[in-house]
Amino acid sequence: MIAHVLESAAASGAERVIISTHHAALL
């Protein structure tokens, strides 16, 4: 599910996209 949000964030033109997570190996 987070991939869909990341895709929209990437297309928005934002200079930086930050994920706040407890999961160190998330990526």
mmCIF file of all heavy atoms, coordinates in Angstrom:
data_MODEL
# 
_entry.id   MODEL 
# 
loop_
_atom_site.group_PDB 
_atom_site.id 
_atom_site.type_symbol 
_atom_site.label_atom_id 
_atom_site.label_alt_id 
_atom_site.label_comp_id 
_atom_site.label_asym_id 
_atom_site.label_entity_id 
_atom_site.label_seq_id 
_atom_site.pdbx_PDB_ins_code 
_atom_site.Cartn_x 
_atom_site.Cartn_y 
_atom_site.Cartn_z 
_atom_site.occupancy 
_atom_site.B_iso_or_equiv 
_atom_site.pdbx_formal_charge 
_atom_site.auth_seq_id 
_atom_site.auth_comp_id 
_atom_site.auth_asym_id 
_atom_site.auth_atom_id 
_atom_site.pdbx_PDB_model_num 
ATOM 1   N N   . MET A 1 1  ? 0.811  -1.225 0.000  1.00 0.00 ? 1  MET A N   1 
ATOM 2   C CA  . MET A 1 1  ? 0.000  0.000  0.000  1.00 0.00 ? 1  MET A CA  1 
ATOM 3   C C   . MET A 1 1  ? 0.838  1.266  0.000  1.00 0.00 ? 1  MET A C   1 
ATOM 4   O O   . MET A 1 1  ? 0.499  2.246  -0.678 1.00 0.00 ? 1  MET A O   1 
ATOM 5   C CB  . MET A 1 1  ? -0.982 0.005  1.166  1.00 0.00 ? 1  MET A CB  1 
ATOM 6   C CG  . MET A 1 1  ? -0.389 0.125  2.547  1.00 0.00 ? 1  MET A CG  1 
ATOM 7   S SD  . MET A 1 1  ? -1.644 0.480  3.822  1.00 0.00 ? 1  MET A SD  1 
ATOM 8   C CE  . MET A 1 1  ? -2.620 -1.003 3.828  1.00 0.00 ? 1  MET A CE  1 
ATOM 9   N N   . ILE A 1 2  ? 1.952  1.276  0.713  1.00 0.00 ? 2  ILE A N   1 
ATOM 10  C CA  . ILE A 1 2  ? 2.755  2.497  0.770  1.00 0.00 ? 2  ILE A CA  1 
ATOM 11  C C   . ILE A 1 2  ? 3.364  2.836  -0.588 1.00 0.00 ? 2  ILE A C   1 
ATOM 12  O O   . ILE A 1 2  ? 3.669  4.004  -0.868 1.00 0.00 ? 2  ILE A O   1 
ATOM 13  C CB  . ILE A 1 2  ? 3.853  2.383  1.855  1.00 0.00 ? 2  ILE A CB  1 
ATOM 14  C CG1 . ILE A 1 2  ? 4.452  3.766  2.139  1.00 0.00 ? 2  ILE A CG1 1 
ATOM 15  C CG2 . ILE A 1 2  ? 4.915  1.366  1.468  1.00 0.00 ? 2  ILE A CG2 1 
ATOM 16  C CD1 . ILE A 1 2  ? 5.437  3.781  3.298  1.00 0.00 ? 2  ILE A CD1 1 
ATOM 17  N N   . ALA A 1 3  ? 3.520  1.838  -1.474 1.00 0.00 ? 3  ALA A N   1 
ATOM 18  C CA  . ALA A 1 3  ? 4.073  2.109  -2.803 1.00 0.00 ? 3  ALA A CA  1 
ATOM 19  C C   . ALA A 1 3  ? 3.184  3.055  -3.594 1.00 0.00 ? 3  ALA A C   1 
ATOM 20  O O   . ALA A 1 3  ? 3.672  3.898  -4.360 1.00 0.00 ? 3  ALA A O   1 
ATOM 21  C CB  . ALA A 1 3  ? 4.274  0.803  -3.565 1.00 0.00 ? 3  ALA A CB  1 
ATOM 22  N N   . HIS A 1 4  ? 1.876  2.941  -3.423 1.00 0.00 ? 4  HIS A N   1 
ATOM 23  C CA  . HIS A 1 4  ? 0.954  3.845  -4.121 1.00 0.00 ? 4  HIS A CA  1 
ATOM 24  C C   . HIS A 1 4  ? 1.130  5.279  -3.638 1.00 0.00 ? 4  HIS A C   1 
ATOM 25  O O   . HIS A 1 4  ? 1.106  6.222  -4.438 1.00 0.00 ? 4  HIS A O   1 
ATOM 26  C CB  . HIS A 1 4  ? -0.489 3.385  -3.893 1.00 0.00 ? 4  HIS A CB  1 
ATOM 27  C CG  . HIS A 1 4  ? -0.791 2.023  -4.433 1.00 0.00 ? 4  HIS A CG  1 
ATOM 28  N ND1 . HIS A 1 4  ? -0.958 1.774  -5.780 1.00 0.00 ? 4  HIS A ND1 1 
ATOM 29  C CD2 . HIS A 1 4  ? -0.957 0.825  -3.800 1.00 0.00 ? 4  HIS A CD2 1 
ATOM 30  C CE1 . HIS A 1 4  ? -1.222 0.489  -5.960 1.00 0.00 ? 4  HIS A CE1 1 
ATOM 31  N NE2 . HIS A 1 4  ? -1.214 -0.109 -4.772 1.00 0.00 ? 4  HIS A NE2 1 
ATOM 32  N N   . VAL A 1 5  ? 1.309  5.449  -2.325 1.00 0.00 ? 5  VAL A N   1 
ATOM 33  C CA  . VAL A 1 5  ? 1.500  6.789  -1.769 1.00 0.00 ? 5  VAL A CA  1 
ATOM 34  C C   . VAL A 1 5  ? 2.847  7.351  -2.220 1.00 0.00 ? 5  VAL A C   1 
ATOM 35  O O   . VAL A 1 5  ? 2.955  8.531  -2.584 1.00 0.00 ? 5  VAL A O   1 
ATOM 36  C CB  . VAL A 1 5  ? 1.405  6.761  -0.231 1.00 0.00 ? 5  VAL A CB  1 
ATOM 37  C CG1 . VAL A 1 5  ? 1.416  8.179  0.337  1.00 0.00 ? 5  VAL A CG1 1 
ATOM 38  C CG2 . VAL A 1 5  ? 0.143  6.033  0.225  1.00 0.00 ? 5  VAL A CG2 1 
ATOM 39  N N   . LEU A 1 6  ? 3.859  6.524  -2.217 1.00 0.00 ? 6  LEU A N   1 
ATOM 40  C CA  . LEU A 1 6  ? 5.188  6.953  -2.665 1.00 0.00 ? 6  LEU A CA  1 
ATOM 41  C C   . LEU A 1 6  ? 5.170  7.365  -4.133 1.00 0.00 ? 6  LEU A C   1 
ATOM 42  O O   . LEU A 1 6  ? 5.824  8.339  -4.522 1.00 0.00 ? 6  LEU A O   1 
ATOM 43  C CB  . LEU A 1 6  ? 6.203  5.824  -2.453 1.00 0.00 ? 6  LEU A CB  1 
ATOM 44  C CG  . LEU A 1 6  ? 6.655  5.585  -1.017 1.00 0.00 ? 6  LEU A CG  1 
ATOM 45  C CD1 . LEU A 1 6  ? 7.437  4.278  -0.916 1.00 0.00 ? 6  LEU A CD1 1 
ATOM 46  C CD2 . LEU A 1 6  ? 7.509  6.749  -0.508 1.00 0.00 ? 6  LEU A CD2 1 
ATOM 47  N N   . GLU A 1 7  ? 4.415  6.651  -4.932 1.00 0.00 ? 7  GLU A N   1 
ATOM 48  C CA  . GLU A 1 7  ? 4.340  6.982  -6.356 1.00 0.00 ? 7  GLU A CA  1 
ATOM 49  C C   . GLU A 1 7  ? 3.719  8.361  -6.567 1.00 0.00 ? 7  GLU A C   1 
ATOM 50  O O   . GLU A 1 7  ? 4.193  9.154  -7.388 1.00 0.00 ? 7  GLU A O   1 
ATOM 51  C CB  . GLU A 1 7  ? 3.539  5.916  -7.096 1.00 0.00 ? 7  GLU A CB  1 
ATOM 52  C CG  . GLU A 1 7  ? 3.599  6.050  -8.609 1.00 0.00 ? 7  GLU A CG  1 
ATOM 53  C CD  . GLU A 1 7  ? 3.023  4.826  -9.295 1.00 0.00 ? 7  GLU A CD  1 
ATOM 54  O OE1 . GLU A 1 7  ? 1.795  4.802  -9.500 1.00 0.00 ? 7  GLU A OE1 1 
ATOM 55  O OE2 . GLU A 1 7  ? 3.787  3.908  -9.615 1.00 0.00 ? 7  GLU A OE2 1 
ATOM 56  N N   . SER A 1 8  ? 2.646  8.650  -5.833 1.00 0.00 ? 8  SER A N   1 
ATOM 57  C CA  . SER A 1 8  ? 2.033  9.973  -5.949 1.00 0.00 ? 8  SER A CA  1 
ATOM 58  C C   . SER A 1 8  ? 2.958  11.058 -5.416 1.00 0.00 ? 8  SER A C   1 
ATOM 59  O O   . SER A 1 8  ? 3.045  12.155 -5.980 1.00 0.00 ? 8  SER A O   1 
ATOM 60  C CB  . SER A 1 8  ? 0.697  10.001 -5.193 1.00 0.00 ? 8  SER A CB  1 
ATOM 61  O OG  . SER A 1 8  ? -0.260 9.202  -5.854 1.00 0.00 ? 8  SER A OG  1 
ATOM 62  N N   . ALA A 1 9  ? 3.660  10.756 -4.330 1.00 0.00 ? 9  ALA A N   1 
ATOM 63  C CA  . ALA A 1 9  ? 4.620  11.715 -3.778 1.00 0.00 ? 9  ALA A CA  1 
ATOM 64  C C   . ALA A 1 9  ? 5.737  11.999 -4.780 1.00 0.00 ? 9  ALA A C   1 
ATOM 65  O O   . ALA A 1 9  ? 6.151  13.156 -4.960 1.00 0.00 ? 9  ALA A O   1 
ATOM 66  C CB  . ALA A 1 9  ? 5.194  11.187 -2.468 1.00 0.00 ? 9  ALA A CB  1 
ATOM 67  N N   . ALA A 1 10 ? 6.206  10.948 -5.438 1.00 0.00 ? 10 ALA A N   1 
ATOM 68  C CA  . ALA A 1 10 ? 7.277  11.116 -6.425 1.00 0.00 ? 10 ALA A CA  1 
ATOM 69  C C   . ALA A 1 10 ? 6.824  12.001 -7.583 1.00 0.00 ? 10 ALA A C   1 
ATOM 70  O O   . ALA A 1 10 ? 7.572  12.848 -8.068 1.00 0.00 ? 10 ALA A O   1 
ATOM 71  C CB  . ALA A 1 10 ? 7.724  9.750  -6.940 1.00 0.00 ? 10 ALA A CB  1 
ATOM 72  N N   . ALA A 1 11 ? 5.579  11.806 -8.015 1.00 0.00 ? 11 ALA A N   1 
ATOM 73  C CA  . ALA A 1 11 ? 5.057  12.565 -9.152 1.00 0.00 ? 11 ALA A CA  1 
ATOM 74  C C   . ALA A 1 11 ? 4.673  13.992 -8.790 1.00 0.00 ? 11 ALA A C   1 
ATOM 75  O O   . ALA A 1 11 ? 4.428  14.812 -9.674 1.00 0.00 ? 11 ALA A O   1 
ATOM 76  C CB  . ALA A 1 11 ? 3.845  11.835 -9.739 1.00 0.00 ? 11 ALA A CB  1 
ATOM 77  N N   . SER A 1 12 ? 4.619  14.294 -7.496 1.00 0.00 ? 12 SER A N   1 
ATOM 78  C CA  . SER A 1 12 ? 4.181  15.627 -7.053 1.00 0.00 ? 12 SER A CA  1 
ATOM 79  C C   . SER A 1 12 ? 5.239  16.701 -7.265 1.00 0.00 ? 12 SER A C   1 
ATOM 80  O O   . SER A 1 12 ? 4.932  17.888 -7.220 1.00 0.00 ? 12 SER A O   1 
ATOM 81  C CB  . SER A 1 12 ? 3.822  15.578 -5.564 1.00 0.00 ? 12 SER A CB  1 
ATOM 82  O OG  . SER A 1 12 ? 5.003  15.474 -4.773 1.00 0.00 ? 12 SER A OG  1 
ATOM 83  N N   . GLY A 1 13 ? 6.481  16.268 -7.425 1.00 0.00 ? 13 GLY A N   1 
ATOM 84  C CA  . GLY A 1 13 ? 7.571  17.226 -7.565 1.00 0.00 ? 13 GLY A CA  1 
ATOM 85  C C   . GLY A 1 13 ? 8.199  17.636 -6.251 1.00 0.00 ? 13 GLY A C   1 
ATOM 86  O O   . GLY A 1 13 ? 9.079  18.503 -6.222 1.00 0.00 ? 13 GLY A O   1 
ATOM 87  N N   . ALA A 1 14 ? 7.766  17.035 -5.134 1.00 0.00 ? 14 ALA A N   1 
ATOM 88  C CA  . ALA A 1 14 ? 8.357  17.356 -3.833 1.00 0.00 ? 14 ALA A CA  1 
ATOM 89  C C   . ALA A 1 14 ? 9.864  17.090 -3.858 1.00 0.00 ? 14 ALA A C   1 
ATOM 90  O O   . ALA A 1 14 ? 10.313 16.088 -4.414 1.00 0.00 ? 14 ALA A O   1 
ATOM 91  C CB  . ALA A 1 14 ? 7.692  16.528 -2.741 1.00 0.00 ? 14 ALA A CB  1 
ATOM 92  N N   . GLU A 1 15 ? 10.608 17.973 -3.228 1.00 0.00 ? 15 GLU A N   1 
ATOM 93  C CA  . GLU A 1 15 ? 12.066 17.827 -3.220 1.00 0.00 ? 15 GLU A CA  1 
ATOM 94  C C   . GLU A 1 15 ? 12.515 16.626 -2.394 1.00 0.00 ? 15 GLU A C   1 
ATOM 95  O O   . GLU A 1 15 ? 13.542 16.001 -2.682 1.00 0.00 ? 15 GLU A O   1 
ATOM 96  C CB  . GLU A 1 15 ? 12.717 19.088 -2.646 1.00 0.00 ? 15 GLU A CB  1 
ATOM 97  C CG  . GLU A 1 15 ? 12.431 20.354 -3.433 1.00 0.00 ? 15 GLU A CG  1 
ATOM 98  C CD  . GLU A 1 15 ? 12.937 21.583 -2.702 1.00 0.00 ? 15 GLU A CD  1 
ATOM 99  O OE1 . GLU A 1 15 ? 14.055 21.527 -2.154 1.00 0.00 ? 15 GLU A OE1 1 
ATOM 100 O OE2 . GLU A 1 15 ? 12.216 22.587 -2.661 1.00 0.00 ? 15 GLU A OE2 1 
ATOM 101 N N   . ARG A 1 16 ? 11.768 16.318 -1.338 1.00 0.00 ? 16 ARG A N   1 
ATOM 102 C CA  . ARG A 1 16 ? 12.144 15.234 -0.436 1.00 0.00 ? 16 ARG A CA  1 
ATOM 103 C C   . ARG A 1 16 ? 10.895 14.477 0.000  1.00 0.00 ? 16 ARG A C   1 
ATOM 104 O O   . ARG A 1 16 ? 9.849  15.068 0.257  1.00 0.00 ? 16 ARG A O   1 
ATOM 105 C CB  . ARG A 1 16 ? 12.887 15.797 0.775  1.00 0.00 ? 16 ARG A CB  1 
ATOM 106 C CG  . ARG A 1 16 ? 13.398 14.760 1.744  1.00 0.00 ? 16 ARG A CG  1 
ATOM 107 C CD  . ARG A 1 16 ? 14.451 15.366 2.653  1.00 0.00 ? 16 ARG A CD  1 
ATOM 108 N NE  . ARG A 1 16 ? 15.664 15.711 1.919  1.00 0.00 ? 16 ARG A NE  1 
ATOM 109 C CZ  . ARG A 1 16 ? 16.737 16.281 2.463  1.00 0.00 ? 16 ARG A CZ  1 
ATOM 110 N NH1 . ARG A 1 16 ? 16.738 16.586 3.746  1.00 0.00 ? 16 ARG A NH1 1 
ATOM 111 N NH2 . ARG A 1 16 ? 17.797 16.549 1.741  1.00 0.00 ? 16 ARG A NH2 1 
ATOM 112 N N   . VAL A 1 17 ? 11.009 13.141 0.057  1.00 0.00 ? 17 VAL A N   1 
ATOM 113 C CA  . VAL A 1 17 ? 9.923  12.287 0.527  1.00 0.00 ? 17 VAL A CA  1 
ATOM 114 C C   . VAL A 1 17 ? 10.461 11.497 1.710  1.00 0.00 ? 17 VAL A C   1 
ATOM 115 O O   . VAL A 1 17 ? 11.471 10.792 1.594  1.00 0.00 ? 17 VAL A O   1 
ATOM 116 C CB  . VAL A 1 17 ? 9.428  11.333 -0.580 1.00 0.00 ? 17 VAL A CB  1 
ATOM 117 C CG1 . VAL A 1 17 ? 8.331  10.419 -0.039 1.00 0.00 ? 17 VAL A CG1 1 
ATOM 118 C CG2 . VAL A 1 17 ? 8.921  12.134 -1.781 1.00 0.00 ? 17 VAL A CG2 1 
ATOM 119 N N   . ILE A 1 18 ? 9.798  11.627 2.854  1.00 0.00 ? 18 ILE A N   1 
ATOM 120 C CA  . ILE A 1 18 ? 10.277 11.023 4.101  1.00 0.00 ? 18 ILE A CA  1 
ATOM 121 C C   . ILE A 1 18 ? 9.284  9.971  4.570  1.00 0.00 ? 18 ILE A C   1 
ATOM 122 O O   . ILE A 1 18 ? 8.080  10.217 4.595  1.00 0.00 ? 18 ILE A O   1 
ATOM 123 C CB  . ILE A 1 18 ? 10.439 12.100 5.196  1.00 0.00 ? 18 ILE A CB  1 
ATOM 124 C CG1 . ILE A 1 18 ? 11.311 13.257 4.686  1.00 0.00 ? 18 ILE A CG1 1 
ATOM 125 C CG2 . ILE A 1 18 ? 11.028 11.504 6.468  1.00 0.00 ? 18 ILE A CG2 1 
ATOM 126 C CD1 . ILE A 1 18 ? 11.173 14.530 5.502  1.00 0.00 ? 18 ILE A CD1 1 
ATOM 127 N N   . ILE A 1 19 ? 9.788  8.799  4.930  1.00 0.00 ? 19 ILE A N   1 
ATOM 128 C CA  . ILE A 1 19 ? 8.952  7.766  5.538  1.00 0.00 ? 19 ILE A CA  1 
ATOM 129 C C   . ILE A 1 19 ? 9.309  7.674  7.011  1.00 0.00 ? 19 ILE A C   1 
ATOM 130 O O   . ILE A 1 19 ? 10.474 7.484  7.371  1.00 0.00 ? 19 ILE A O   1 
ATOM 131 C CB  . ILE A 1 19 ? 9.172  6.390  4.884  1.00 0.00 ? 19 ILE A CB  1 
ATOM 132 C CG1 . ILE A 1 19 ? 8.890  6.438  3.384  1.00 0.00 ? 19 ILE A CG1 1 
ATOM 133 C CG2 . ILE A 1 19 ? 8.280  5.336  5.552  1.00 0.00 ? 19 ILE A CG2 1 
ATOM 134 C CD1 . ILE A 1 19 ? 9.230  5.132  2.658  1.00 0.00 ? 19 ILE A CD1 1 
ATOM 135 N N   . SER A 1 20 ? 8.313  7.800  7.874  1.00 0.00 ? 20 SER A N   1 
ATOM 136 C CA  . SER A 1 20 ? 8.504  7.611  9.314  1.00 0.00 ? 20 SER A CA  1 
ATOM 137 C C   . SER A 1 20 ? 8.049  6.204  9.670  1.00 0.00 ? 20 SER A C   1 
ATOM 138 O O   . SER A 1 20 ? 6.873  5.863  9.499  1.00 0.00 ? 20 SER A O   1 
ATOM 139 C CB  . SER A 1 20 ? 7.696  8.660  10.089 1.00 0.00 ? 20 SER A CB  1 
ATOM 140 O OG  . SER A 1 20 ? 7.760  8.415  11.481 1.00 0.00 ? 20 SER A OG  1 
ATOM 141 N N   . THR A 1 21 ? 8.964  5.376  10.156 1.00 0.00 ? 21 THR A N   1 
ATOM 142 C CA  . THR A 1 21 ? 8.646  3.966  10.383 1.00 0.00 ? 21 THR A CA  1 
ATOM 143 C C   . THR A 1 21 ? 9.432  3.400  11.559 1.00 0.00 ? 21 THR A C   1 
ATOM 144 O O   . THR A 1 21 ? 10.513 3.889  11.886 1.00 0.00 ? 21 THR A O   1 
ATOM 145 C CB  . THR A 1 21 ? 8.956  3.139  9.112  1.00 0.00 ? 21 THR A CB  1 
ATOM 146 O OG1 . THR A 1 21 ? 8.680  1.758  9.358  1.00 0.00 ? 21 THR A OG1 1 
ATOM 147 C CG2 . THR A 1 21 ? 10.415 3.291  8.697  1.00 0.00 ? 21 THR A CG2 1 
ATOM 148 N N   . HIS A 1 22 ? 8.867  2.355  12.169 1.00 0.00 ? 22 HIS A N   1 
ATOM 149 C CA  . HIS A 1 22 ? 9.591  1.594  13.189 1.00 0.00 ? 22 HIS A CA  1 
ATOM 150 C C   . HIS A 1 22 ? 10.374 0.434  12.571 1.00 0.00 ? 22 HIS A C   1 
ATOM 151 O O   . HIS A 1 22 ? 11.125 -0.246 13.271 1.00 0.00 ? 22 HIS A O   1 
ATOM 152 C CB  . HIS A 1 22 ? 8.612  1.014  14.218 1.00 0.00 ? 22 HIS A CB  1 
ATOM 153 C CG  . HIS A 1 22 ? 7.923  2.056  15.050 1.00 0.00 ? 22 HIS A CG  1 
ATOM 154 N ND1 . HIS A 1 22 ? 6.656  2.510  14.790 1.00 0.00 ? 22 HIS A ND1 1 
ATOM 155 C CD2 . HIS A 1 22 ? 8.353  2.751  16.144 1.00 0.00 ? 22 HIS A CD2 1 
ATOM 156 C CE1 . HIS A 1 22 ? 6.312  3.416  15.692 1.00 0.00 ? 22 HIS A CE1 1 
ATOM 157 N NE2 . HIS A 1 22 ? 7.322  3.583  16.513 1.00 0.00 ? 22 HIS A NE2 1 
ATOM 158 N N   . HIS A 1 23 ? 10.172 0.195  11.288 1.00 0.00 ? 23 HIS A N   1 
ATOM 159 C CA  . HIS A 1 23 ? 10.713 -0.980 10.608 1.00 0.00 ? 23 HIS A CA  1 
ATOM 160 C C   . HIS A 1 23 ? 11.996 -0.603 9.871  1.00 0.00 ? 23 HIS A C   1 
ATOM 161 O O   . HIS A 1 23 ? 11.962 -0.022 8.783  1.00 0.00 ? 23 HIS A O   1 
ATOM 162 C CB  . HIS A 1 23 ? 9.650  -1.519 9.648  1.00 0.00 ? 23 HIS A CB  1 
ATOM 163 C CG  . HIS A 1 23 ? 10.020 -2.789 8.958  1.00 0.00 ? 23 HIS A CG  1 
ATOM 164 N ND1 . HIS A 1 23 ? 10.916 -3.694 9.467  1.00 0.00 ? 23 HIS A ND1 1 
ATOM 165 C CD2 . HIS A 1 23 ? 9.593  -3.320 7.782  1.00 0.00 ? 23 HIS A CD2 1 
ATOM 166 C CE1 . HIS A 1 23 ? 11.034 -4.717 8.645  1.00 0.00 ? 23 HIS A CE1 1 
ATOM 167 N NE2 . HIS A 1 23 ? 10.236 -4.510 7.610  1.00 0.00 ? 23 HIS A NE2 1 
ATOM 168 N N   . ALA A 1 24 ? 13.137 -0.929 10.453 1.00 0.00 ? 24 ALA A N   1 
ATOM 169 C CA  . ALA A 1 24 ? 14.423 -0.498 9.897  1.00 0.00 ? 24 ALA A CA  1 
ATOM 170 C C   . ALA A 1 24 ? 14.669 -1.042 8.500  1.00 0.00 ? 24 ALA A C   1 
ATOM 171 O O   . ALA A 1 24 ? 15.332 -0.397 7.678  1.00 0.00 ? 24 ALA A O   1 
ATOM 172 C CB  . ALA A 1 24 ? 15.552 -0.928 10.835 1.00 0.00 ? 24 ALA A CB  1 
ATOM 173 N N   . ALA A 1 25 ? 14.154 -2.228 8.191  1.00 0.00 ? 25 ALA A N   1 
ATOM 174 C CA  . ALA A 1 25 ? 14.383 -2.848 6.886  1.00 0.00 ? 25 ALA A CA  1 
ATOM 175 C C   . ALA A 1 25 ? 13.225 -2.626 5.919  1.00 0.00 ? 25 ALA A C   1 
ATOM 176 O O   . ALA A 1 25 ? 13.026 -3.404 4.979  1.00 0.00 ? 25 ALA A O   1 
ATOM 177 C CB  . ALA A 1 25 ? 14.625 -4.354 7.063  1.00 0.00 ? 25 ALA A CB  1 
ATOM 178 N N   . LEU A 1 26 ? 12.462 -1.558 6.122  1.00 0.00 ? 26 LEU A N   1 
ATOM 179 C CA  . LEU A 1 26 ? 11.254 -1.338 5.324  1.00 0.00 ? 26 LEU A CA  1 
ATOM 180 C C   . LEU A 1 26 ? 11.537 -1.281 3.825  1.00 0.00 ? 26 LEU A C   1 
ATOM 181 O O   . LEU A 1 26 ? 10.853 -1.923 3.029  1.00 0.00 ? 26 LEU A O   1 
ATOM 182 C CB  . LEU A 1 26 ? 10.554 -0.051 5.764  1.00 0.00 ? 26 LEU A CB  1 
ATOM 183 C CG  . LEU A 1 26 ? 9.321  0.338  4.944  1.00 0.00 ? 26 LEU A CG  1 
ATOM 184 C CD1 . LEU A 1 26 ? 8.236  -0.727 5.068  1.00 0.00 ? 26 LEU A CD1 1 
ATOM 185 C CD2 . LEU A 1 26 ? 8.787  1.695  5.370  1.00 0.00 ? 26 LEU A CD2 1 
ATOM 186 N N   . LEU A 1 27 ? 12.551 -0.527 3.419  1.00 0.00 ? 27 LEU A N   1 
ATOM 187 C CA  . LEU A 1 27 ? 12.805 -0.374 1.984  1.00 0.00 ? 27 LEU A CA  1 
ATOM 188 C C   . LEU A 1 27 ? 13.179 -1.701 1.335  1.00 0.00 ? 27 LEU A C   1 
ATOM 189 O O   . LEU A 1 27 ? 12.763 -1.984 0.203  1.00 0.00 ? 27 LEU A O   1 
ATOM 190 C CB  . LEU A 1 27 ? 13.895 0.670  1.743  1.00 0.00 ? 27 LEU A CB  1 
ATOM 191 C CG  . LEU A 1 27 ? 13.557 2.104  2.154  1.00 0.00 ? 27 LEU A CG  1 
ATOM 192 C CD1 . LEU A 1 27 ? 14.649 3.051  1.695  1.00 0.00 ? 27 LEU A CD1 1 
ATOM 193 C CD2 . LEU A 1 27 ? 12.216 2.538  1.604  1.00 0.00 ? 27 LEU A CD2 1 
# 
